[in-house]
C-alpha atoms as a PDB file:
ATOM      1  CA  MET A   1     -41.164-119.264 102.148  1.00  0.00           C
ATOM      2  CA  LEU A   2     -42.084-122.828 101.787  1.00  0.00           C
ATOM      3  CA  MET A   3     -39.325-123.304  99.334  1.00  0.00           C
ATOM      4  CA  ARG A   4     -36.908-121.767 101.591  1.00  0.00           C
ATOM      5  CA  SER A   5     -37.776-123.819 104.689  1.00  0.00           C
ATOM      6  CA  PHE A   6     -37.537-126.827 102.479  1.00  0.00           C
ATOM      7  CA  ALA A   7     -34.005-126.084 101.148  1.00  0.00           C
ATOM      8  CA  ILE A   8     -33.242-125.543 104.726  1.00  0.00           C
ATOM      9  CA  ARG A   9     -34.416-128.703 105.888  1.00  0.00           C
ATOM     10  CA  PHE A  10     -32.776-130.719 103.031  1.00  0.00           C
ATOM     11  CA  THR A  11     -29.254-129.017 103.930  1.00  0.00           C
ATOM     12  CA  GLY A  12     -29.645-129.925 107.294  1.00  0.00           C
ATOM     13  CA  ARG A  13     -30.446-133.614 106.535  1.00  0.00           C
ATOM     14  CA  ALA A  14     -27.557-133.626 104.006  1.00  0.00           C
ATOM     15  CA  LEU A  15     -25.164-132.091 106.204  1.00  0.00           C
ATOM     16  CA  ALA A  16     -25.905-134.826 108.871  1.00  0.00           C
ATOM     17  CA  ALA A  17     -25.948-137.617 106.369  1.00  0.00           C
ATOM     18  CA  LEU A  18     -22.358-136.584 105.461  1.00  0.00           C
ATOM     19  CA  ALA A  19     -21.371-136.169 108.919  1.00  0.00           C
ATOM     20  CA  LEU A  20     -22.751-139.621 109.665  1.00  0.00           C
ATOM     21  CA  ALA A  21     -20.932-141.111 106.859  1.00  0.00           C
ATOM     22  CA  GLY A  22     -17.843-139.099 107.988  1.00  0.00           C
ATOM     23  CA  ALA A  23     -18.081-140.736 111.162  1.00  0.00           C
ATOM     24  CA  ALA A  24     -18.761-144.199 109.973  1.00  0.00           C
ATOM     25  CA  GLN A  25     -15.594-143.931 107.701  1.00  0.00           C
ATOM     26  CA  THR A  26     -13.399-142.583 110.579  1.00  0.00           C
ATOM     27  CA  LEU A  27     -14.775-145.549 112.534  1.00  0.00           C
ATOM     28  CA  ALA A  28     -14.029-148.091 109.967  1.00  0.00           C
ATOM     29  CA  ALA A  29     -10.676-146.840 109.617  1.00  0.00           C
ATOM     30  CA  ALA A  30      -9.863-147.144 113.441  1.00  0.00           C
ATOM     31  CA  GLN A  31     -11.153-150.788 113.418  1.00  0.00           C
ATOM     32  CA  LEU A  32      -8.595-151.651 110.283  1.00  0.00           C
ATOM     33  CA  PRO A  33      -5.471-153.379 111.571  1.00  0.00           C
ATOM     34  CA  ASP A  34      -2.198-151.475 111.242  1.00  0.00           C
ATOM     35  CA  PRO A  35      -0.246-152.796 108.318  1.00  0.00           C
ATOM     36  CA  GLN A  36       3.078-151.914 109.573  1.00  0.00           C
ATOM     37  CA  ALA A  37       1.972-153.757 112.862  1.00  0.00           C
ATOM     38  CA  ILE A  38       0.777-156.968 110.761  1.00  0.00           C
ATOM     39  CA  LEU A  39       4.275-156.992 108.560  1.00  0.00           C
ATOM     40  CA  ALA A  40       6.378-156.736 112.021  1.00  0.00           C
ATOM     41  CA  GLU A  41       4.051-159.545 113.348  1.00  0.00           C
ATOM     42  CA  CYS A  42       4.814-161.577 110.454  1.00  0.00           C
ATOM     43  CA  ASP A  43       8.595-160.928 110.974  1.00  0.00           C
ATOM     44  CA  ALA A  44       8.502-162.366 114.299  1.00  0.00           C
ATOM     45  CA  VAL A  45       7.317-165.453 112.887  1.00  0.00           C
ATOM     46  CA  ARG A  46       9.718-165.904 110.289  1.00  0.00           C
ATOM     47  CA  ASN A  47      12.577-164.570 112.325  1.00  0.00           C
ATOM     48  CA  PRO A  48      13.582-165.539 116.144  1.00  0.00           C
ATOM     49  CA  GLY A  49      13.975-162.495 118.203  1.00  0.00           C
ATOM     50  CA  LYS A  50      17.385-163.643 119.993  1.00  0.00           C
ATOM     51  CA  PRO A  51      20.831-164.278 117.813  1.00  0.00           C
ATOM     52  CA  PHE A  52      20.779-167.700 116.485  1.00  0.00           C
ATOM     53  CA  SER A  53      22.286-169.879 113.713  1.00  0.00           C
ATOM     54  CA  LEU A  54      20.758-172.426 111.125  1.00  0.00           C
ATOM     55  CA  THR A  55      21.408-174.398 108.201  1.00  0.00           C
ATOM     56  CA  VAL A  56      19.963-173.382 104.773  1.00  0.00           C
ATOM     57  CA  THR A  57      19.876-175.712 101.787  1.00  0.00           C
ATOM     58  CA  LEU A  58      19.291-174.647  98.489  1.00  0.00           C
ATOM     59  CA  THR A  59      18.103-177.011  95.691  1.00  0.00           C
ATOM     60  CA  GLU A  60      17.404-175.761  92.321  1.00  0.00           C
ATOM     61  CA  TYR A  61      15.043-177.694  89.965  1.00  0.00           C
ATOM     62  CA  THR A  62      14.169-177.200  86.170  1.00  0.00           C
ATOM     63  CA  ASN A  63      11.227-178.818  84.789  1.00  0.00           C
ATOM     64  CA  GLY A  64      11.168-180.876  87.944  1.00  0.00           C
ATOM     65  CA  LYS A  65      14.684-182.173  87.777  1.00  0.00           C
ATOM     66  CA  GLN A  66      17.421-181.238  90.146  1.00  0.00           C
ATOM     67  CA  THR A  67      19.982-179.446  88.458  1.00  0.00           C
ATOM     68  CA  ASP A  68      22.205-177.852  91.284  1.00  0.00           C
ATOM     69  CA  ALA A  69      22.421-177.337  95.233  1.00  0.00           C
ATOM     70  CA  ASN A  70      24.401-175.918  97.836  1.00  0.00           C
ATOM     71  CA  ALA A  71      24.633-175.476 101.586  1.00  0.00           C
ATOM     72  CA  LEU A  72      25.026-172.756 103.898  1.00  0.00           C
ATOM     73  CA  GLN A  73      25.817-172.151 107.528  1.00  0.00           C
ATOM     74  CA  ALA A  74      24.281-168.929 109.063  1.00  0.00           C
ATOM     75  CA  TYR A  75      24.770-166.846 112.045  1.00  0.00           C
ATOM     76  CA  SER A  76      22.307-163.927 112.833  1.00  0.00           C
ATOM     77  CA  ALA A  77      21.561-161.174 115.179  1.00  0.00           C
ATOM     78  CA  ILE A  78      19.445-157.822 115.263  1.00  0.00           C
ATOM     79  CA  ASN A  79      21.245-154.805 115.552  1.00  0.00           C
ATOM     80  CA  GLY A  80      19.819-153.021 118.574  1.00  0.00           C
ATOM     81  CA  ARG A  81      20.032-149.586 116.784  1.00  0.00           C
ATOM     82  CA  SER A  82      18.416-150.104 113.514  1.00  0.00           C
ATOM     83  CA  GLY A  83      16.201-153.191 114.436  1.00  0.00           C
ATOM     84  CA  GLN A  84      17.370-154.856 111.436  1.00  0.00           C
ATOM     85  CA  PHE A  85      19.670-158.282 111.263  1.00  0.00           C
ATOM     86  CA  ARG A  86      23.424-158.604 110.763  1.00  0.00           C
ATOM     87  CA  SER A  87      24.210-161.871 109.052  1.00  0.00           C
ATOM     88  CA  LEU A  88      27.247-163.920 108.354  1.00  0.00           C
ATOM     89  CA  ILE A  89      27.031-166.585 105.998  1.00  0.00           C
ATOM     90  CA  ARG A  90      29.229-169.626 105.534  1.00  0.00           C
ATOM     91  CA  PHE A  91      29.642-171.775 102.485  1.00  0.00           C
ATOM     92  CA  VAL A  92      29.435-175.459 103.178  1.00  0.00           C
ATOM     93  CA  ALA A  93      28.566-177.151 100.015  1.00  0.00           C
ATOM     94  CA  PRO A  94      29.526-177.788  97.402  1.00  0.00           C
ATOM     95  CA  ALA A  95      33.244-178.723  98.070  1.00  0.00           C
ATOM     96  CA  ARG A  96      34.639-175.807  95.537  1.00  0.00           C
ATOM     97  CA  ASP A  97      32.995-173.019  97.846  1.00  0.00           C
ATOM     98  CA  VAL A  98      33.470-174.435 101.085  1.00  0.00           C
ATOM     99  CA  ASN A  99      34.504-171.451 103.541  1.00  0.00           C
ATOM    100  CA  LYS A 100      33.673-168.914 101.376  1.00  0.00           C
ATOM    101  CA  LEU A 101      31.646-166.181 103.447  1.00  0.00           C
ATOM    102  CA  MET A 102      28.977-163.605 103.029  1.00  0.00           C
ATOM    103  CA  LEU A 103      28.355-160.701 105.268  1.00  0.00           C
ATOM    104  CA  LYS A 104      25.467-158.323 105.701  1.00  0.00           C
ATOM    105  CA  THR A 105      25.906-155.545 108.170  1.00  0.00           C
ATOM    106  CA  GLY A 106      23.648-152.206 107.874  1.00  0.00           C
ATOM    107  CA  ASN A 107      22.923-152.004 103.976  1.00  0.00           C
ATOM    108  CA  ASP A 108      26.523-153.247 102.615  1.00  0.00           C
ATOM    109  CA  LEU A 109      26.884-156.868 101.624  1.00  0.00           C
ATOM    110  CA  TRP A 110      30.319-158.472 101.196  1.00  0.00           C
ATOM    111  CA  PHE A 111      31.476-161.726  99.719  1.00  0.00           C
ATOM    112  CA  PHE A 112      35.242-163.250 100.747  1.00  0.00           C
ATOM    113  CA  ASP A 113      37.128-165.796  99.318  1.00  0.00           C
ATOM    114  CA  PRO A 114      39.614-167.235 101.406  1.00  0.00           C
ATOM    115  CA  ALA A 115      41.650-168.372  98.674  1.00  0.00           C
ATOM    116  CA  SER A 116      42.278-164.647  97.166  1.00  0.00           C
ATOM    117  CA  LYS A 117      41.977-163.481 100.842  1.00  0.00           C
ATOM    118  CA  ALA A 118      39.793-160.698  99.190  1.00  0.00           C
ATOM    119  CA  SER A 119      36.410-159.226 100.078  1.00  0.00           C
ATOM    120  CA  VAL A 120      34.347-157.570  97.676  1.00  0.00           C
ATOM    121  CA  ARG A 121      31.061-155.821  97.845  1.00  0.00           C
ATOM    122  CA  ILE A 122      28.158-157.482  96.209  1.00  0.00           C
ATOM    123  CA  SER A 123      24.313-156.951  95.340  1.00  0.00           C
ATOM    124  CA  PRO A 124      21.684-158.409  97.237  1.00  0.00           C
ATOM    125  CA  GLN A 125      19.727-158.670  94.036  1.00  0.00           C
ATOM    126  CA  GLN A 126      22.527-160.768  92.578  1.00  0.00           C
ATOM    127  CA  ARG A 127      21.415-164.448  91.978  1.00  0.00           C
ATOM    128  CA  LEU A 128      23.156-166.999  94.545  1.00  0.00           C
ATOM    129  CA  LEU A 129      21.705-170.370  93.240  1.00  0.00           C
ATOM    130  CA  GLY A 130      18.762-170.645  90.801  1.00  0.00           C
ATOM    131  CA  GLN A 131      15.832-168.240  91.949  1.00  0.00           C
ATOM    132  CA  ALA A 132      17.409-167.224  94.837  1.00  0.00           C
ATOM    133  CA  SER A 133      19.257-164.019  95.183  1.00  0.00           C
ATOM    134  CA  ASN A 134      22.032-163.138  97.851  1.00  0.00           C
ATOM    135  CA  GLY A 135      19.559-161.242  99.723  1.00  0.00           C
ATOM    136  CA  ASP A 136      17.049-164.048 100.057  1.00  0.00           C
ATOM    137  CA  VAL A 137      19.226-165.979 102.326  1.00  0.00           C
ATOM    138  CA  VAL A 138      20.388-163.148 104.731  1.00  0.00           C
ATOM    139  CA  THR A 139      17.936-162.796 107.495  1.00  0.00           C
ATOM    140  CA  VAL A 140      15.849-159.595 107.151  1.00  0.00           C
ATOM    141  CA  ASN A 141      12.884-157.910 108.880  1.00  0.00           C
ATOM    142  CA  PHE A 142      10.819-156.382 106.298  1.00  0.00           C
ATOM    143  CA  ALA A 143       9.231-154.096 108.642  1.00  0.00           C
ATOM    144  CA  GLN A 144      12.393-152.069 109.095  1.00  0.00           C
ATOM    145  CA  SER A 145      13.086-151.709 105.271  1.00  0.00           C
ATOM    146  CA  TYR A 146       9.411-151.614 103.783  1.00  0.00           C
ATOM    147  CA  LYS A 147       6.305-149.374 104.233  1.00  0.00           C
ATOM    148  CA  ALA A 148       3.433-151.542 104.359  1.00  0.00           C
ATOM    149  CA  THR A 149      -0.217-150.761 103.080  1.00  0.00           C
ATOM    150  CA  LEU A 150      -3.018-153.125 103.590  1.00  0.00           C
ATOM    151  CA  GLU A 151      -4.682-153.921  99.959  1.00  0.00           C
ATOM    152  CA  ALA A 152      -7.279-156.662 100.740  1.00  0.00           C
ATOM    153  CA  GLU A 153      -8.374-159.546 103.052  1.00  0.00           C
ATOM    154  CA  GLU A 154      -9.213-162.435 100.861  1.00  0.00           C
ATOM    155  CA  ASP A 155      -8.789-166.128 100.716  1.00  0.00           C
ATOM    156  CA  ILE A 156      -5.664-167.634  98.787  1.00  0.00           C
ATOM    157  CA  GLN A 157      -4.200-171.036  98.152  1.00  0.00           C
ATOM    158  CA  ASP A 158      -1.104-171.769 100.063  1.00  0.00           C
ATOM    159  CA  GLY A 159       1.784-173.948  99.208  1.00  0.00           C
ATOM    160  CA  ASP A 160      -0.123-177.119  99.876  1.00  0.00           C
ATOM    161  CA  ARG A 161      -3.275-176.144  97.700  1.00  0.00           C
ATOM    162  CA  GLN A 162      -5.010-175.572 100.938  1.00  0.00           C
ATOM    163  CA  THR A 163      -7.126-172.295 101.527  1.00  0.00           C
ATOM    164  CA  ARG A 164      -6.172-169.442 103.982  1.00  0.00           C
ATOM    165  CA  HIS A 165      -7.737-166.366 105.075  1.00  0.00           C
ATOM    166  CA  ALA A 166      -5.219-163.686 104.714  1.00  0.00           C
ATOM    167  CA  TYR A 167      -4.594-159.914 104.607  1.00  0.00           C
ATOM    168  CA  LYS A 168      -2.978-158.540 101.500  1.00  0.00           C
ATOM    169  CA  LEU A 169       0.042-156.214 102.363  1.00  0.00           C
ATOM    170  CA  ALA A 170       1.918-153.744  99.683  1.00  0.00           C
ATOM    171  CA  LEU A 171       5.313-153.390 100.551  1.00  0.00           C
ATOM    172  CA  LYS A 172       7.334-150.407  99.295  1.00  0.00           C
ATOM    173  CA  SER A 173      11.011-150.084  99.578  1.00  0.00           C
ATOM    174  CA  GLY A 174      12.381-147.457 101.285  1.00  0.00           C
ATOM    175  CA  ALA A 175      15.892-147.888  99.843  1.00  0.00           C
ATOM    176  CA  ALA A 176      17.873-148.303  96.394  1.00  0.00           C
ATOM    177  CA  ASP A 177      19.713-151.236  97.721  1.00  0.00           C
ATOM    178  CA  ASP A 178      16.719-153.225  99.232  1.00  0.00           C
ATOM    179  CA  THR A 179      16.841-156.373  97.610  1.00  0.00           C
ATOM    180  CA  TYR A 180      13.189-156.030  95.939  1.00  0.00           C
ATOM    181  CA  ALA A 181      11.537-152.576  94.962  1.00  0.00           C
ATOM    182  CA  ALA A 182       8.039-153.608  95.884  1.00  0.00           C
ATOM    183  CA  ILE A 183       6.820-156.838  97.608  1.00  0.00           C
ATOM    184  CA  GLU A 184       3.443-158.298  97.828  1.00  0.00           C
ATOM    185  CA  MET A 185       2.877-160.285 100.685  1.00  0.00           C
ATOM    186  CA  TRP A 186      -0.347-162.505 102.090  1.00  0.00           C
ATOM    187  CA  VAL A 187      -0.080-162.971 106.004  1.00  0.00           C
ATOM    188  CA  GLU A 188      -2.654-165.133 107.624  1.00  0.00           C
ATOM    189  CA  THR A 189      -4.978-163.121 109.538  1.00  0.00           C
ATOM    190  CA  THR A 190      -5.231-165.175 112.805  1.00  0.00           C
ATOM    191  CA  THR A 191      -1.838-166.225 113.247  1.00  0.00           C
ATOM    192  CA  ARG A 192       0.445-163.831 111.208  1.00  0.00           C
ATOM    193  CA  ARG A 193       2.068-166.661 109.305  1.00  0.00           C
ATOM    194  CA  PRO A 194       3.228-165.460 105.995  1.00  0.00           C
ATOM    195  CA  ILE A 195       1.813-167.703 103.241  1.00  0.00           C
ATOM    196  CA  LYS A 196       2.728-166.212  99.907  1.00  0.00           C
ATOM    197  CA  ALA A 197       4.866-163.369  98.280  1.00  0.00           C
ATOM    198  CA  ARG A 198       5.397-161.590  95.012  1.00  0.00           C
ATOM    199  CA  PHE A 199       8.684-159.924  94.467  1.00  0.00           C
ATOM    200  CA  PHE A 200       9.215-156.820  91.990  1.00  0.00           C
ATOM    201  CA  SER A 201      12.058-155.140  90.373  1.00  0.00           C
ATOM    202  CA  ASP A 202      11.998-150.953  89.986  1.00  0.00           C
ATOM    203  CA  SER A 203      10.392-151.380  86.819  1.00  0.00           C
ATOM    204  CA  GLY A 204       7.725-153.433  88.100  1.00  0.00           C
ATOM    205  CA  LYS A 205       8.707-156.643  86.440  1.00  0.00           C
ATOM    206  CA  LEU A 206       7.353-159.892  88.833  1.00  0.00           C
ATOM    207  CA  LEU A 207      10.965-161.407  89.509  1.00  0.00           C
ATOM    208  CA  LYS A 208       9.489-164.507  91.603  1.00  0.00           C
ATOM    209  CA  VAL A 209       6.889-165.829  93.611  1.00  0.00           C
ATOM    210  CA  ALA A 210       7.625-167.327  97.213  1.00  0.00           C
ATOM    211  CA  PHE A 211       5.344-169.774  99.147  1.00  0.00           C
ATOM    212  CA  TYR A 212       6.427-170.242 102.853  1.00  0.00           C
ATOM    213  CA  ARG A 213       5.717-173.970 104.011  1.00  0.00           C
ATOM    214  CA  ARG A 214       6.628-176.871 106.453  1.00  0.00           C
ATOM    215  CA  TYR A 215       5.913-174.849 109.797  1.00  0.00           C
ATOM    216  CA  ARG A 216       7.496-176.272 112.415  1.00  0.00           C
ATOM    217  CA  GLU A 217       8.154-175.368 116.239  1.00  0.00           C
ATOM    218  CA  GLU A 218      11.778-173.852 116.222  1.00  0.00           C
ATOM    219  CA  MET A 219      13.111-171.469 119.055  1.00  0.00           C
ATOM    220  CA  GLY A 220       9.712-171.072 120.670  1.00  0.00           C
ATOM    221  CA  ALA A 221       7.332-170.510 117.974  1.00  0.00           C
ATOM    222  CA  GLN A 222       5.952-172.139 114.682  1.00  0.00           C
ATOM    223  CA  ARG A 223       8.170-171.007 111.877  1.00  0.00           C
ATOM    224  CA  PRO A 224       8.271-171.842 108.074  1.00  0.00           C
ATOM    225  CA  THR A 225      10.978-174.125 107.387  1.00  0.00           C
ATOM    226  CA  GLU A 226      10.713-174.263 103.608  1.00  0.00           C
ATOM    227  CA  ILE A 227      10.138-171.643 100.915  1.00  0.00           C
ATOM    228  CA  VAL A 228       9.488-172.507  97.193  1.00  0.00           C
ATOM    229  CA  ILE A 229      10.487-169.866  95.010  1.00  0.00           C
ATOM    230  CA  ILE A 230       9.133-169.746  91.513  1.00  0.00           C
ATOM    231  CA  ASP A 231      10.668-167.881  88.887  1.00  0.00           C
ATOM    232  CA  GLY A 232       8.090-164.726  87.710  1.00  0.00           C
ATOM    233  CA  LEU A 233       8.583-165.700  84.051  1.00  0.00           C
ATOM    234  CA  ASN A 234       8.989-169.286  83.639  1.00  0.00           C
ATOM    235  CA  PRO A 235       7.091-171.515  86.252  1.00  0.00           C
ATOM    236  CA  ASN A 236       9.385-174.539  85.446  1.00  0.00           C
ATOM    237  CA  LEU A 237      12.234-172.890  87.226  1.00  0.00           C
ATOM    238  CA  VAL A 238      12.117-173.403  91.064  1.00  0.00           C
ATOM    239  CA  THR A 239      14.116-173.377  93.871  1.00  0.00           C
ATOM    240  CA  VAL A 240      13.604-174.831  97.439  1.00  0.00           C
ATOM    241  CA  MET A 241      14.950-173.204 100.391  1.00  0.00           C
ATOM    242  CA  ARG A 242      15.029-175.102 103.553  1.00  0.00           C
ATOM    243  CA  TYR A 243      16.092-174.089 106.950  1.00  0.00           C
ATOM    244  CA  ASP A 244      17.029-176.508 109.747  1.00  0.00           C
ATOM    245  CA  SER A 245      18.859-176.670 112.904  1.00  0.00           C
ATOM    246  CA  PHE A 246      17.694-173.631 114.373  1.00  0.00           C
ATOM    247  CA  ALA A 247      19.603-172.840 117.580  1.00  0.00           C
ATOM    248  CA  PRO A 248      19.973-169.877 119.917  1.00  0.00           C
ATOM    249  CA  ARG A 249      23.737-168.732 120.474  1.00  0.00           C
ATOM    250  CA  GLU A 250      25.912-165.882 121.292  1.00  0.00           C
ATOM    251  CA  ILE A 251      27.532-164.334 118.301  1.00  0.00           C
ATOM    252  CA  PRO A 252      30.556-162.031 118.813  1.00  0.00           C
ATOM    253  CA  ASP A 253      29.977-158.351 117.307  1.00  0.00           C
ATOM    254  CA  GLY A 254      33.723-159.145 115.670  1.00  0.00           C
ATOM    255  CA  TRP A 255      31.905-161.685 113.353  1.00  0.00           C
ATOM    256  CA  PHE A 256      29.800-158.850 111.873  1.00  0.00           C
ATOM    257  CA  GLN A 257      32.839-156.956 110.998  1.00  0.00           C
ATOM    258  CA  GLN A 258      34.324-156.807 107.394  1.00  0.00           C
ATOM    259  CA  ASP A 259      38.111-156.789 108.558  1.00  0.00           C
ATOM    260  CA  PHE A 260      37.364-160.118 110.576  1.00  0.00           C
ATOM    261  CA  LEU A 261      36.283-162.070 107.410  1.00  0.00           C
ATOM    262  CA  PRO A 262      40.029-163.120 106.658  1.00  0.00           C
ATOM    263  CA  ARG A 263      40.462-164.398 110.510  1.00  0.00           C
ATOM    264  CA  PHE A 264      37.086-165.953 110.877  1.00  0.00           C
ATOM    265  CA  GLN A 265      37.441-169.879 111.687  1.00  0.00           C
ATOM    266  CA  PRO A 266      34.588-172.283 111.069  1.00  0.00           C
ATOM    267  CA  GLU A 267      33.146-174.345 113.977  1.00  0.00           C
END
């Protein structure tokens, strides 16, 4: 009888402990930030929420020496139905590429050469210059294309070797034509600024590492105006992507139609 009474009391205590542990876990989970919301807030830091234009300069370095460069004019606006950006990119330099165009609308990416009057579909994974791919220069809201999970909260070094406290997010692609199959992104906990990202292929290969730098007031928010992209295998291969001349502007819907590309006139 004594043993039975002890067993009953022990079972009751064990169940109570399990219930308390479950409640604690539920409370802890409820207090964790939503990783998808963090990613959306990070997108809002990177990209204005209204139609805009800006200039993009890409500079390639090998072993610290400049080896190539180009310049682009970008026009971007959010598609109200999808929440993702449409972008028209005009090549400004070098001279051999002036007035060539690249158009991203939905999941399609098109390249137009005014010399041949032909537009061809291209891959966002294809390299544009150095470590920067076609998909890197078009405006993208990651929260619309990737599912985020929260992996850690930790201190990391930014591109200026300053220590930042950040959420580490793991992003998983939802479509085969996304530029990257997976991304690891570190977002500062207090500001939701992107600090660092690692980009991976379908096979899990590390393609590149990026640092977001030189924050500046642009169109109502502090935004990164420089991204340093380092090759995933050879750290001596570096491409710097700089943003300048942010400006709000009205962009005609027709600009984002493939059949409009031959009629586009630079400003």
